[in-house]
């Protein structure tokens, strides 16, 4: 499965913080659609390395949990934009 688009929380459209992503568009294995990042995080906790970014080098999405329990996802850091998630198309 691949993440090919992201949707930011209202008011955070220009943010480059993974915590400000509202949902991800996932394709493959019958998953075609947008899913809240909390749902994707929970899925990745149960099924690690099962969703990749839809561009080379197809990095795995990783679950992340803030100290107070908020769940989100990350990929790998990029010095230019922060997280490589932000190379996905925004909708």
PDB file of N, CA and C in Angstrom:
ATOM      1  N   UNK A   1       0.843  -1.165   0.000  1.00  0.00           N
ATOM      2  CA  UNK A   1       0.000   0.000   0.000  1.00  0.00           C
ATOM      3  C   UNK A   1       0.893   1.235   0.000  1.00  0.00           C
ATOM      4  N   UNK A   2       0.354   2.302  -0.580  1.00  0.00           N
ATOM      5  CA  UNK A   2       1.121   3.532  -0.727  1.00  0.00           C
ATOM      6  C   UNK A   2       0.311   4.751  -0.317  1.00  0.00           C
ATOM      7  N   UNK A   3       0.985   5.725   0.286  1.00  0.00           N
ATOM      8  CA  UNK A   3       0.398   7.035   0.540  1.00  0.00           C
ATOM      9  C   UNK A   3       0.794   7.916  -0.634  1.00  0.00           C
ATOM     10  N   UNK A   4      -0.212   8.526  -1.310  1.00  0.00           N
ATOM     11  CA  UNK A   4       0.113   9.346  -2.468  1.00  0.00           C
ATOM     12  C   UNK A   4      -0.334  10.806  -2.347  1.00  0.00           C
ATOM     13  N   UNK A   5      -1.134  11.142  -1.320  1.00  0.00           N
ATOM     14  CA  UNK A   5      -1.560  12.528  -1.101  1.00  0.00           C
ATOM     15  C   UNK A   5      -1.744  12.751   0.392  1.00  0.00           C
ATOM     16  N   UNK A   6      -1.738  14.007   0.781  1.00  0.00           N
ATOM     17  CA  UNK A   6      -2.025  14.324   2.172  1.00  0.00           C
ATOM     18  C   UNK A   6      -2.958  15.522   2.237  1.00  0.00           C
ATOM     19  N   UNK A   7      -3.658  15.606   3.339  1.00  0.00           N
ATOM     20  CA  UNK A   7      -4.572  16.721   3.592  1.00  0.00           C
ATOM     21  C   UNK A   7      -4.219  17.292   4.958  1.00  0.00           C
ATOM     22  N   UNK A   8      -3.983  18.610   4.990  1.00  0.00           N
ATOM     23  CA  UNK A   8      -3.569  19.263   6.223  1.00  0.00           C
ATOM     24  C   UNK A   8      -4.784  19.692   7.042  1.00  0.00           C
ATOM     25  N   UNK A   9      -4.584  19.851   8.347  1.00  0.00           N
ATOM     26  CA  UNK A   9      -5.627  20.406   9.213  1.00  0.00           C
ATOM     27  C   UNK A   9      -5.935  21.837   8.773  1.00  0.00           C
ATOM     28  N   UNK A  10      -7.192  22.266   8.876  1.00  0.00           N
ATOM     29  CA  UNK A  10      -7.538  23.641   8.512  1.00  0.00           C
ATOM     30  C   UNK A  10      -6.689  24.654   9.282  1.00  0.00           C
ATOM     31  N   UNK A  11      -6.188  25.635   8.557  1.00  0.00           N
ATOM     32  CA  UNK A  11      -5.338  26.661   9.161  1.00  0.00           C
ATOM     33  C   UNK A  11      -3.865  26.300   9.175  1.00  0.00           C
ATOM     34  N   UNK A  12      -3.527  25.070   8.815  1.00  0.00           N
ATOM     35  CA  UNK A  12      -2.130  24.612   8.838  1.00  0.00           C
ATOM     36  C   UNK A  12      -1.667  24.159   7.459  1.00  0.00           C
ATOM     37  N   UNK A  13      -2.278  24.679   6.407  1.00  0.00           N
ATOM     38  CA  UNK A  13      -1.983  24.239   5.049  1.00  0.00           C
ATOM     39  C   UNK A  13      -0.517  24.445   4.656  1.00  0.00           C
ATOM     40  N   UNK A  14       0.167  25.415   5.241  1.00  0.00           N
ATOM     41  CA  UNK A  14       1.560  25.702   4.897  1.00  0.00           C
ATOM     42  C   UNK A  14       2.550  25.153   5.918  1.00  0.00           C
ATOM     43  N   UNK A  15       2.073  24.356   6.853  1.00  0.00           N
ATOM     44  CA  UNK A  15       2.926  23.788   7.888  1.00  0.00           C
ATOM     45  C   UNK A  15       3.767  22.639   7.332  1.00  0.00           C
ATOM     46  N   UNK A  16       4.916  22.437   7.930  1.00  0.00           N
ATOM     47  CA  UNK A  16       5.762  21.289   7.600  1.00  0.00           C
ATOM     48  C   UNK A  16       5.987  20.419   8.832  1.00  0.00           C
ATOM     49  N   UNK A  17       4.999  20.391   9.725  1.00  0.00           N
ATOM     50  CA  UNK A  17       5.041  19.524  10.902  1.00  0.00           C
ATOM     51  C   UNK A  17       4.133  18.318  10.646  1.00  0.00           C
ATOM     52  N   UNK A  18       4.637  17.106  10.793  1.00  0.00           N
ATOM     53  CA  UNK A  18       3.792  15.923  10.582  1.00  0.00           C
ATOM     54  C   UNK A  18       2.554  15.913  11.478  1.00  0.00           C
ATOM     55  N   UNK A  19       2.629  16.545  12.651  1.00  0.00           N
ATOM     56  CA  UNK A  19       1.487  16.588  13.565  1.00  0.00           C
ATOM     57  C   UNK A  19       0.320  17.398  12.999  1.00  0.00           C
ATOM     58  N   UNK A  20       0.564  18.207  11.974  1.00  0.00           N
ATOM     59  CA  UNK A  20      -0.481  19.046  11.393  1.00  0.00           C
ATOM     60  C   UNK A  20      -1.171  18.395  10.199  1.00  0.00           C
ATOM     61  N   UNK A  21      -0.826  17.160   9.897  1.00  0.00           N
ATOM     62  CA  UNK A  21      -1.489  16.435   8.815  1.00  0.00           C
ATOM     63  C   UNK A  21      -2.791  15.853   9.349  1.00  0.00           C
ATOM     64  N   UNK A  22      -3.878  16.091   8.634  1.00  0.00           N
ATOM     65  CA  UNK A  22      -5.188  15.582   9.052  1.00  0.00           C
ATOM     66  C   UNK A  22      -5.426  14.167   8.550  1.00  0.00           C
ATOM     67  N   UNK A  23      -5.141  13.928   7.253  1.00  0.00           N
ATOM     68  CA  UNK A  23      -5.407  12.609   6.685  1.00  0.00           C
ATOM     69  C   UNK A  23      -4.454  12.317   5.536  1.00  0.00           C
ATOM     70  N   UNK A  24      -4.334  11.043   5.222  1.00  0.00           N
ATOM     71  CA  UNK A  24      -3.498  10.579   4.118  1.00  0.00           C
ATOM     72  C   UNK A  24      -4.359   9.801   3.139  1.00  0.00           C
ATOM     73  N   UNK A  25      -4.067   9.974   1.856  1.00  0.00           N
ATOM     74  CA  UNK A  25      -4.753   9.196   0.823  1.00  0.00           C
ATOM     75  C   UNK A  25      -3.925   7.939   0.596  1.00  0.00           C
ATOM     76  N   UNK A  26      -4.524   6.789   0.853  1.00  0.00           N
ATOM     77  CA  UNK A  26      -3.851   5.492   0.736  1.00  0.00           C
ATOM     78  C   UNK A  26      -4.441   4.747  -0.452  1.00  0.00           C
ATOM     79  N   UNK A  27      -3.571   4.141  -1.264  1.00  0.00           N
ATOM     80  CA  UNK A  27      -4.024   3.335  -2.398  1.00  0.00           C
ATOM     81  C   UNK A  27      -3.413   1.944  -2.311  1.00  0.00           C
ATOM     82  N   UNK A  28      -4.126   0.987  -2.854  1.00  0.00           N
ATOM     83  CA  UNK A  28      -3.648  -0.394  -2.890  1.00  0.00           C
ATOM     84  C   UNK A  28      -4.362  -1.267  -1.878  1.00  0.00           C
ATOM     85  N   UNK A  29      -4.508  -2.532  -2.218  1.00  0.00           N
ATOM     86  CA  UNK A  29      -5.127  -3.530  -1.336  1.00  0.00           C
ATOM     87  C   UNK A  29      -6.530  -3.144  -0.878  1.00  0.00           C
ATOM     88  N   UNK A  30      -7.283  -2.468  -1.739  1.00  0.00           N
ATOM     89  CA  UNK A  30      -8.642  -2.106  -1.413  1.00  0.00           C
ATOM     90  C   UNK A  30      -8.776  -0.947  -0.459  1.00  0.00           C
ATOM     91  N   UNK A  31      -7.706  -0.233  -0.197  1.00  0.00           N
ATOM     92  CA  UNK A  31      -7.704   0.873   0.760  1.00  0.00           C
ATOM     93  C   UNK A  31      -7.946   2.225   0.113  1.00  0.00           C
ATOM     94  N   UNK A  32      -8.226   2.308  -1.144  1.00  0.00           N
ATOM     95  CA  UNK A  32      -8.274   3.587  -1.855  1.00  0.00           C
ATOM     96  C   UNK A  32      -9.175   4.600  -1.174  1.00  0.00           C
ATOM     97  N   UNK A  33      -8.566   5.655  -0.615  1.00  0.00           N
ATOM     98  CA  UNK A  33      -9.318   6.715   0.040  1.00  0.00           C
ATOM     99  C   UNK A  33      -8.476   7.447   1.070  1.00  0.00           C
ATOM    100  N   UNK A  34      -9.078   8.485   1.648  1.00  0.00           N
ATOM    101  CA  UNK A  34      -8.423   9.258   2.704  1.00  0.00           C
ATOM    102  C   UNK A  34      -8.722   8.637   4.060  1.00  0.00           C
ATOM    103  N   UNK A  35      -7.703   8.583   4.907  1.00  0.00           N
ATOM    104  CA  UNK A  35      -7.834   8.033   6.252  1.00  0.00           C
ATOM    105  C   UNK A  35      -7.187   8.985   7.247  1.00  0.00           C
ATOM    106  N   UNK A  36      -7.826   9.225   8.390  1.00  0.00           N
ATOM    107  CA  UNK A  36      -7.217  10.087   9.418  1.00  0.00           C
ATOM    108  C   UNK A  36      -5.867   9.515   9.851  1.00  0.00           C
ATOM    109  N   UNK A  37      -4.925  10.413  10.142  1.00  0.00           N
ATOM    110  CA  UNK A  37      -3.587   9.941  10.518  1.00  0.00           C
ATOM    111  C   UNK A  37      -3.613   9.086  11.781  1.00  0.00           C
ATOM    112  N   UNK A  38      -4.560   9.330  12.684  1.00  0.00           N
ATOM    113  CA  UNK A  38      -4.650   8.504  13.889  1.00  0.00           C
ATOM    114  C   UNK A  38      -4.963   7.054  13.514  1.00  0.00           C
ATOM    115  N   UNK A  39      -5.857   6.864  12.550  1.00  0.00           N
ATOM    116  CA  UNK A  39      -6.214   5.527  12.076  1.00  0.00           C
ATOM    117  C   UNK A  39      -5.001   4.863  11.421  1.00  0.00           C
ATOM    118  N   UNK A  40      -4.293   5.622  10.573  1.00  0.00           N
ATOM    119  CA  UNK A  40      -3.110   5.086   9.891  1.00  0.00           C
ATOM    120  C   UNK A  40      -2.038   4.721  10.920  1.00  0.00           C
ATOM    121  N   UNK A  41      -1.839   5.561  11.932  1.00  0.00           N
ATOM    122  CA  UNK A  41      -0.866   5.274  12.990  1.00  0.00           C
ATOM    123  C   UNK A  41      -1.215   3.964  13.697  1.00  0.00           C
ATOM    124  N   UNK A  42      -2.475   3.807  14.093  1.00  0.00           N
ATOM    125  CA  UNK A  42      -2.900   2.573  14.769  1.00  0.00           C
ATOM    126  C   UNK A  42      -2.692   1.355  13.878  1.00  0.00           C
ATOM    127  N   UNK A  43      -2.993   1.487  12.594  1.00  0.00           N
ATOM    128  CA  UNK A  43      -2.778   0.391  11.652  1.00  0.00           C
ATOM    129  C   UNK A  43      -1.293   0.027  11.584  1.00  0.00           C
ATOM    130  N   UNK A  44      -0.433   1.045  11.523  1.00  0.00           N
ATOM    131  CA  UNK A  44       1.012   0.789  11.429  1.00  0.00           C
ATOM    132  C   UNK A  44       1.584   0.193  12.709  1.00  0.00           C
ATOM    133  N   UNK A  45       0.973   0.470  13.845  1.00  0.00           N
ATOM    134  CA  UNK A  45       1.413  -0.170  15.088  1.00  0.00           C
ATOM    135  C   UNK A  45       1.170  -1.677  15.038  1.00  0.00           C
ATOM    136  N   UNK A  46       0.082  -2.082  14.359  1.00  0.00           N
ATOM    137  CA  UNK A  46      -0.243  -3.507  14.223  1.00  0.00           C
ATOM    138  C   UNK A  46       0.434  -4.150  13.013  1.00  0.00           C
ATOM    139  N   UNK A  47       0.650  -3.370  11.958  1.00  0.00           N
ATOM    140  CA  UNK A  47       1.223  -3.871  10.704  1.00  0.00           C
ATOM    141  C   UNK A  47       2.406  -2.984  10.279  1.00  0.00           C
ATOM    142  N   UNK A  48       3.536  -3.056  10.967  1.00  0.00           N
ATOM    143  CA  UNK A  48       4.679  -2.198  10.622  1.00  0.00           C
ATOM    144  C   UNK A  48       5.142  -2.424   9.182  1.00  0.00           C
ATOM    145  N   UNK A  49       5.674  -1.374   8.593  1.00  0.00           N
ATOM    146  CA  UNK A  49       6.264  -1.417   7.252  1.00  0.00           C
ATOM    147  C   UNK A  49       5.266  -1.852   6.183  1.00  0.00           C
ATOM    148  N   UNK A  50       3.989  -1.564   6.370  1.00  0.00           N
ATOM    149  CA  UNK A  50       2.979  -1.999   5.395  1.00  0.00           C
ATOM    150  C   UNK A  50       2.510  -0.880   4.473  1.00  0.00           C
ATOM    151  N   UNK A  51       2.863   0.378   4.782  1.00  0.00           N
ATOM    152  CA  UNK A  51       2.478   1.504   3.932  1.00  0.00           C
ATOM    153  C   UNK A  51       3.739   2.314   3.629  1.00  0.00           C
ATOM    154  N   UNK A  52       3.961   2.550   2.340  1.00  0.00           N
ATOM    155  CA  UNK A  52       5.120   3.314   1.903  1.00  0.00           C
ATOM    156  C   UNK A  52       4.673   4.607   1.220  1.00  0.00           C
ATOM    157  N   UNK A  53       5.633   5.535   1.073  1.00  0.00           N
ATOM    158  CA  UNK A  53       5.389   6.728   0.273  1.00  0.00           C
ATOM    159  C   UNK A  53       5.398   6.325  -1.196  1.00  0.00           C
ATOM    160  N   UNK A  54       4.597   6.987  -2.000  1.00  0.00           N
ATOM    161  CA  UNK A  54       4.434   6.618  -3.407  1.00  0.00           C
ATOM    162  C   UNK A  54       5.455   7.310  -4.313  1.00  0.00           C
ATOM    163  N   UNK A  55       6.714   7.334  -3.898  1.00  0.00           N
ATOM    164  CA  UNK A  55       7.797   7.827  -4.744  1.00  0.00           C
ATOM    165  C   UNK A  55       9.107   7.224  -4.250  1.00  0.00           C
ATOM    166  N   UNK A  56      10.074   7.157  -5.151  1.00  0.00           N
ATOM    167  CA  UNK A  56      11.371   6.575  -4.835  1.00  0.00           C
ATOM    168  C   UNK A  56      12.012   7.351  -3.696  1.00  0.00           C
ATOM    169  N   UNK A  57      12.584   6.723  -2.723  1.00  0.00           N
ATOM    170  CA  UNK A  57      12.885   5.303  -2.554  1.00  0.00           C
ATOM    171  C   UNK A  57      11.812   4.512  -1.801  1.00  0.00           C
ATOM    172  N   UNK A  58      10.557   4.936  -1.869  1.00  0.00           N
ATOM    173  CA  UNK A  58       9.421   4.209  -1.287  1.00  0.00           C
ATOM    174  C   UNK A  58       9.617   3.920   0.204  1.00  0.00           C
ATOM    175  N   UNK A  59       9.895   4.983   0.955  1.00  0.00           N
ATOM    176  CA  UNK A  59      10.143   4.852   2.394  1.00  0.00           C
ATOM    177  C   UNK A  59       8.887   4.400   3.123  1.00  0.00           C
ATOM    178  N   UNK A  60       9.097   3.628   4.174  1.00  0.00           N
ATOM    179  CA  UNK A  60       7.987   3.184   5.016  1.00  0.00           C
ATOM    180  C   UNK A  60       7.490   4.328   5.885  1.00  0.00           C
ATOM    181  N   UNK A  61       6.173   4.391   6.069  1.00  0.00           N
ATOM    182  CA  UNK A  61       5.613   5.298   7.067  1.00  0.00           C
ATOM    183  C   UNK A  61       5.813   4.662   8.436  1.00  0.00           C
ATOM    184  N   UNK A  62       6.062   5.502   9.428  1.00  0.00           N
ATOM    185  CA  UNK A  62       6.304   5.035  10.785  1.00  0.00           C
ATOM    186  C   UNK A  62       5.276   5.657  11.722  1.00  0.00           C
ATOM    187  N   UNK A  63       4.744   4.873  12.664  1.00  0.00           N
ATOM    188  CA  UNK A  63       3.831   5.458  13.649  1.00  0.00           C
ATOM    189  C   UNK A  63       4.603   6.318  14.638  1.00  0.00           C
ATOM    190  N   UNK A  64       3.951   7.376  15.113  1.00  0.00           N
ATOM    191  CA  UNK A  64       4.561   8.248  16.115  1.00  0.00           C
ATOM    192  C   UNK A  64       3.478   8.648  17.119  1.00  0.00           C
ATOM    193  N   UNK A  65       3.874   8.727  18.388  1.00  0.00           N
ATOM    194  CA  UNK A  65       2.936   9.091  19.445  1.00  0.00           C
ATOM    195  C   UNK A  65       3.600  10.151  20.329  1.00  0.00           C
ATOM    196  N   UNK A  66       2.912  11.290  20.485  1.00  0.00           N
ATOM    197  CA  UNK A  66       3.434  12.339  21.354  1.00  0.00           C
ATOM    198  C   UNK A  66       3.280  11.906  22.812  1.00  0.00           C
ATOM    199  N   UNK A  67       4.026  12.519  23.736  1.00  0.00           N
ATOM    200  CA  UNK A  67       3.961  12.117  25.151  1.00  0.00           C
ATOM    201  C   UNK A  67       2.553  12.139  25.738  1.00  0.00           C
ATOM    202  N   UNK A  68       1.700  13.046  25.252  1.00  0.00           N
ATOM    203  CA  UNK A  68       0.340  13.102  25.800  1.00  0.00           C
ATOM    204  C   UNK A  68      -0.650  12.254  25.010  1.00  0.00           C
ATOM    205  N   UNK A  69      -0.150  11.427  24.090  1.00  0.00           N
ATOM    206  CA  UNK A  69      -0.988  10.436  23.434  1.00  0.00           C
ATOM    207  C   UNK A  69      -1.459  10.729  22.028  1.00  0.00           C
ATOM    208  N   UNK A  70      -1.240  11.921  21.498  1.00  0.00           N
ATOM    209  CA  UNK A  70      -1.662  12.227  20.128  1.00  0.00           C
ATOM    210  C   UNK A  70      -0.874  11.382  19.141  1.00  0.00           C
ATOM    211  N   UNK A  71      -1.588  10.775  18.197  1.00  0.00           N
ATOM    212  CA  UNK A  71      -0.961   9.875  17.227  1.00  0.00           C
ATOM    213  C   UNK A  71      -0.885  10.516  15.853  1.00  0.00           C
ATOM    214  N   UNK A  72       0.232  10.250  15.165  1.00  0.00           N
ATOM    215  CA  UNK A  72       0.448  10.752  13.811  1.00  0.00           C
ATOM    216  C   UNK A  72       1.450   9.832  13.130  1.00  0.00           C
ATOM    217  N   UNK A  73       1.850  10.140  11.908  1.00  0.00           N
ATOM    218  CA  UNK A  73       2.821   9.312  11.195  1.00  0.00           C
ATOM    219  C   UNK A  73       3.961  10.183  10.687  1.00  0.00           C
ATOM    220  N   UNK A  74       5.104   9.543  10.486  1.00  0.00           N
ATOM    221  CA  UNK A  74       6.287  10.217   9.952  1.00  0.00           C
ATOM    222  C   UNK A  74       6.938   9.291   8.929  1.00  0.00           C
ATOM    223  N   UNK A  75       7.844   9.865   8.147  1.00  0.00           N
ATOM    224  CA  UNK A  75       8.717   9.031   7.308  1.00  0.00           C
ATOM    225  C   UNK A  75      10.131   9.370   7.743  1.00  0.00           C
ATOM    226  N   UNK A  76      10.997   9.738   6.844  1.00  0.00           N
ATOM    227  CA  UNK A  76      12.350  10.073   7.283  1.00  0.00           C
ATOM    228  C   UNK A  76      12.596  11.569   7.131  1.00  0.00           C
ATOM    229  N   UNK A  77      13.490  12.107   7.944  1.00  0.00           N
ATOM    230  CA  UNK A  77      13.753  13.542   7.877  1.00  0.00           C
ATOM    231  C   UNK A  77      14.485  13.934   6.594  1.00  0.00           C
ATOM    232  N   UNK A  78      14.178  15.121   6.102  1.00  0.00           N
ATOM    233  CA  UNK A  78      14.849  15.704   4.947  1.00  0.00           C
ATOM    234  C   UNK A  78      15.228  17.127   5.340  1.00  0.00           C
ATOM    235  N   UNK A  79      16.502  17.490   5.236  1.00  0.00           N
ATOM    236  CA  UNK A  79      16.913  18.817   5.687  1.00  0.00           C
ATOM    237  C   UNK A  79      16.230  19.965   4.939  1.00  0.00           C
ATOM    238  N   UNK A  80      15.723  19.712   3.725  1.00  0.00           N
ATOM    239  CA  UNK A  80      15.086  20.767   2.937  1.00  0.00           C
ATOM    240  C   UNK A  80      13.678  21.099   3.429  1.00  0.00           C
ATOM    241  N   UNK A  81      12.867  20.077   3.713  1.00  0.00           N
ATOM    242  CA  UNK A  81      11.459  20.317   4.062  1.00  0.00           C
ATOM    243  C   UNK A  81      11.052  19.714   5.392  1.00  0.00           C
ATOM    244  N   UNK A  82      11.945  19.101   6.097  1.00  0.00           N
ATOM    245  CA  UNK A  82      11.590  18.411   7.344  1.00  0.00           C
ATOM    246  C   UNK A  82      11.368  16.942   7.070  1.00  0.00           C
ATOM    247  N   UNK A  83      10.134  16.520   7.016  1.00  0.00           N
ATOM    248  CA  UNK A  83       9.803  15.118   6.784  1.00  0.00           C
ATOM    249  C   UNK A  83       9.510  14.907   5.299  1.00  0.00           C
ATOM    250  N   UNK A  84       9.957  13.796   4.735  1.00  0.00           N
ATOM    251  CA  UNK A  84       9.737  13.540   3.311  1.00  0.00           C
ATOM    252  C   UNK A  84       8.252  13.328   2.979  1.00  0.00           C
ATOM    253  N   UNK A  85       7.398  13.185   3.983  1.00  0.00           N
ATOM    254  CA  UNK A  85       5.946  13.142   3.742  1.00  0.00           C
ATOM    255  C   UNK A  85       5.496  14.358   2.948  1.00  0.00           C
ATOM    256  N   UNK A  86       6.161  15.485   3.128  1.00  0.00           N
ATOM    257  CA  UNK A  86       5.706  16.722   2.508  1.00  0.00           C
ATOM    258  C   UNK A  86       6.056  16.840   1.037  1.00  0.00           C
ATOM    259  N   UNK A  87       6.639  15.775   0.458  1.00  0.00           N
ATOM    260  CA  UNK A  87       6.791  15.708  -0.993  1.00  0.00           C
ATOM    261  C   UNK A  87       5.523  15.167  -1.639  1.00  0.00           C
ATOM    262  N   UNK A  88       4.599  14.638  -0.831  1.00  0.00           N
ATOM    263  CA  UNK A  88       3.317  14.191  -1.367  1.00  0.00           C
ATOM    264  C   UNK A  88       2.484  15.389  -1.786  1.00  0.00           C
ATOM    265  N   UNK A  89       1.602  15.170  -2.763  1.00  0.00           N
ATOM    266  CA  UNK A  89       0.705  16.242  -3.202  1.00  0.00           C
ATOM    267  C   UNK A  89      -0.261  16.584  -2.073  1.00  0.00           C
ATOM    268  N   UNK A  90      -0.496  17.873  -1.903  1.00  0.00           N
ATOM    269  CA  UNK A  90      -1.468  18.318  -0.896  1.00  0.00           C
ATOM    270  C   UNK A  90      -2.810  18.525  -1.571  1.00  0.00           C
ATOM    271  N   UNK A  91      -3.868  18.150  -0.849  1.00  0.00           N
ATOM    272  CA  UNK A  91      -5.202  18.356  -1.398  1.00  0.00           C
ATOM    273  C   UNK A  91      -6.038  19.184  -0.448  1.00  0.00           C
TER     274      UNK A  91
END
